[in-house]
Amino acid sequence: MSKTFTHAGVSTLDGVTKARFCNDALRTKVLQKNGHTNIDIVELMNPMTKEDIVAYLISIDFAQGNTTVQYALEQELDKRSLKMTAAPTAKAAPKAKAAKPTMASIEAKVAAKKTTVPQTVITKAAVTAQMEDAPY
C-alpha cells in the first residue's frame, strides 16, 4: 500500500527547487521556518500517491511557464518512474554453513602446522663466526 498525500507543491531551498508532499497546509509554516522560499502548496481533490500527484501537477500546468518549477516536477517524475520500472534484483543464495570441526580434522591441521614449520638450529660457533670484532 502506497502512502497518499492531500497537499502538494514546490519550494526552493538554497537555490534548489523540489516537489513537496504533505497532508496539511500548515506544512508551509515549517518550510518557511527552515528557510524555504517560493513555497507553493495546493490542496488536492482527493488523496493521491506521489506518482499520481506529479502526473496531476504536470497535467494542470502547475508550473505556469516557470521553468524551475517545471524542471523540479520533471525531475520528480523521472525519479518516480525509475523506481517503478526498475527490474527486481535477484537475492543472493544463502551461504552454506561451515561444518562443525571434528577431532580428526583438528588433529590433521595441527599435524600439518608442525610439519611445515622449519626447524633451524644455529650453533654457537656459527654465531661467533658471523659476528664482527667490535672494539671495546
Protein backbone atom coordinates (compact mmCIF):
# COMPACT_ATOMS: atom_id res chain seq x y z
CA MET A 1 0.00 0.00 0.00
CA SER A 2 1.47 3.33 -1.08
CA LYS A 3 1.33 6.38 1.11
CA THR A 4 -1.09 9.07 -0.02
CA PHE A 5 -0.98 12.85 0.38
CA THR A 6 -3.64 15.58 0.37
CA HIS A 7 -1.39 18.61 -0.34
CA ALA A 8 1.47 19.05 -2.79
CA GLY A 9 3.57 21.70 -4.45
CA VAL A 10 7.10 23.03 -4.70
CA SER A 11 9.55 25.05 -2.63
CA THR A 12 13.08 26.37 -3.05
CA LEU A 13 15.89 25.84 -0.53
CA ASP A 14 19.42 27.09 -1.21
CA GLY A 15 18.57 27.72 -4.86
CA VAL A 16 17.23 24.19 -5.46
CA THR A 17 13.53 23.82 -6.24
CA LYS A 18 11.95 20.50 -5.32
CA ALA A 19 8.49 18.95 -5.21
CA ARG A 20 6.96 18.73 -1.73
CA PHE A 21 4.24 16.37 -0.48
CA CYS A 22 2.29 16.70 2.77
CA ASN A 23 -1.05 16.06 4.44
CA ASP A 24 -1.60 19.51 5.95
CA ALA A 25 -1.43 23.08 4.67
CA LEU A 26 0.43 24.05 7.84
CA ARG A 27 3.50 22.42 6.31
CA THR A 28 4.17 25.80 4.67
CA LYS A 29 4.95 27.30 8.09
CA VAL A 30 7.52 24.59 8.77
CA LEU A 31 9.09 25.12 5.36
CA GLN A 32 9.29 28.88 5.94
CA LYS A 33 10.82 28.36 9.37
CA ASN A 34 13.53 26.15 7.81
CA GLY A 35 14.44 28.78 5.21
CA HIS A 36 12.46 27.67 2.16
CA THR A 37 11.35 30.31 -0.34
CA ASN A 38 8.91 30.36 -3.29
CA ILE A 39 6.60 27.95 -1.44
CA ASP A 40 3.56 26.96 -3.49
CA ILE A 41 1.46 24.21 -1.88
CA VAL A 42 -2.05 23.36 -3.15
CA GLU A 43 -4.78 21.14 -1.75
CA LEU A 44 -5.59 18.13 -3.90
CA MET A 45 -9.13 16.98 -4.71
CA ASN A 46 -8.52 13.56 -3.19
CA PRO A 47 -5.58 11.75 -1.57
CA MET A 48 -3.01 10.61 -4.15
CA THR A 49 0.32 8.83 -4.28
CA LYS A 50 3.46 10.79 -5.17
CA GLU A 51 3.49 9.37 -8.71
CA ASP A 52 -0.13 10.40 -9.27
CA ILE A 53 0.47 13.85 -7.76
CA VAL A 54 3.39 14.62 -10.06
CA ALA A 55 1.42 13.49 -13.12
CA TYR A 56 -1.56 15.58 -11.98
CA LEU A 57 0.52 18.73 -11.36
CA ILE A 58 2.09 18.44 -14.81
CA SER A 59 -1.30 17.85 -16.45
CA ILE A 60 -2.85 21.00 -14.90
CA ASP A 61 0.20 23.11 -15.87
CA PHE A 62 1.10 23.81 -12.25
CA ALA A 63 4.37 25.47 -13.34
CA GLN A 64 2.52 28.12 -15.42
CA GLY A 65 5.63 28.78 -17.52
CA ASN A 66 8.06 28.83 -14.59
CA THR A 67 10.95 26.72 -15.89
CA THR A 68 12.43 25.95 -12.46
CA VAL A 69 9.11 24.58 -11.20
CA GLN A 70 8.62 22.60 -14.42
CA TYR A 71 12.16 21.19 -14.12
CA ALA A 72 11.55 20.19 -10.48
CA LEU A 73 8.36 18.35 -11.43
CA GLU A 74 10.09 16.59 -14.34
CA GLN A 75 12.96 15.55 -12.06
CA GLU A 76 10.47 14.12 -9.57
CA LEU A 77 8.65 12.32 -12.39
CA ASP A 78 11.92 10.80 -13.61
CA LYS A 79 12.83 9.74 -10.08
CA ARG A 80 9.44 8.13 -9.52
CA SER A 81 9.31 6.38 -12.90
CA LEU A 82 12.78 4.87 -12.40
CA LYS A 83 11.67 3.30 -9.14
CA MET A 84 8.57 1.83 -10.72
CA THR A 85 10.32 0.40 -13.82
CA ALA A 86 13.45 -0.88 -12.11
CA ALA A 87 13.82 -4.62 -12.54
CA PRO A 88 13.70 -6.60 -9.31
CA THR A 89 17.11 -7.77 -8.23
CA ALA A 90 17.73 -11.42 -7.52
CA LYS A 91 18.51 -12.26 -3.94
CA ALA A 92 21.83 -13.89 -3.24
CA ALA A 93 21.73 -17.54 -2.29
CA PRO A 94 22.26 -18.11 1.42
CA LYS A 95 25.79 -19.05 2.38
CA ALA A 96 26.39 -22.65 3.30
CA LYS A 97 27.15 -23.11 6.95
CA ALA A 98 30.58 -24.47 7.77
CA ALA A 99 30.59 -27.99 9.08
CA LYS A 100 31.41 -28.41 12.74
CA PRO A 101 35.05 -29.37 13.22
CA THR A 102 35.75 -32.92 14.27
CA MET A 103 38.65 -34.08 16.40
CA ALA A 104 40.24 -35.78 13.40
CA SER A 105 40.17 -32.54 11.35
CA ILE A 106 41.70 -30.58 14.24
CA GLU A 107 44.49 -33.16 14.67
CA ALA A 108 45.15 -33.05 10.90
CA LYS A 109 45.52 -29.25 10.99
CA VAL A 110 47.90 -29.42 13.96
CA ALA A 111 49.99 -32.11 12.26
CA ALA A 112 50.16 -30.02 9.06
CA LYS A 113 51.37 -26.99 11.00
CA LYS A 114 54.04 -29.00 12.77
CA THR A 115 55.42 -30.40 9.53
CA THR A 116 55.50 -27.07 7.70
CA VAL A 117 57.40 -25.13 10.37
CA PRO A 118 61.11 -25.22 9.50
CA GLN A 119 63.41 -26.26 12.29
CA THR A 120 66.55 -24.11 12.31
CA VAL A 121 69.45 -24.93 14.59
CA ILE A 122 72.30 -22.48 14.87
CA THR A 123 75.41 -23.46 16.70
CA LYS A 124 77.40 -21.12 18.93
CA ALA A 125 80.38 -21.41 16.58
CA ALA A 126 78.26 -20.23 13.61
CA VAL A 127 77.02 -17.23 15.58
CA THR A 128 80.50 -16.19 16.70
CA ALA A 129 81.89 -16.66 13.17
CA GLN A 130 79.29 -14.24 11.78
CA MET A 131 79.89 -11.60 14.45
CA GLU A 132 82.36 -8.78 13.93
CA ASP A 133 85.06 -7.97 16.30
CA ALA A 134 83.96 -4.68 17.75
CA PRO A 135 86.50 -2.61 19.69
CA TYR A 136 85.59 -2.03 23.29
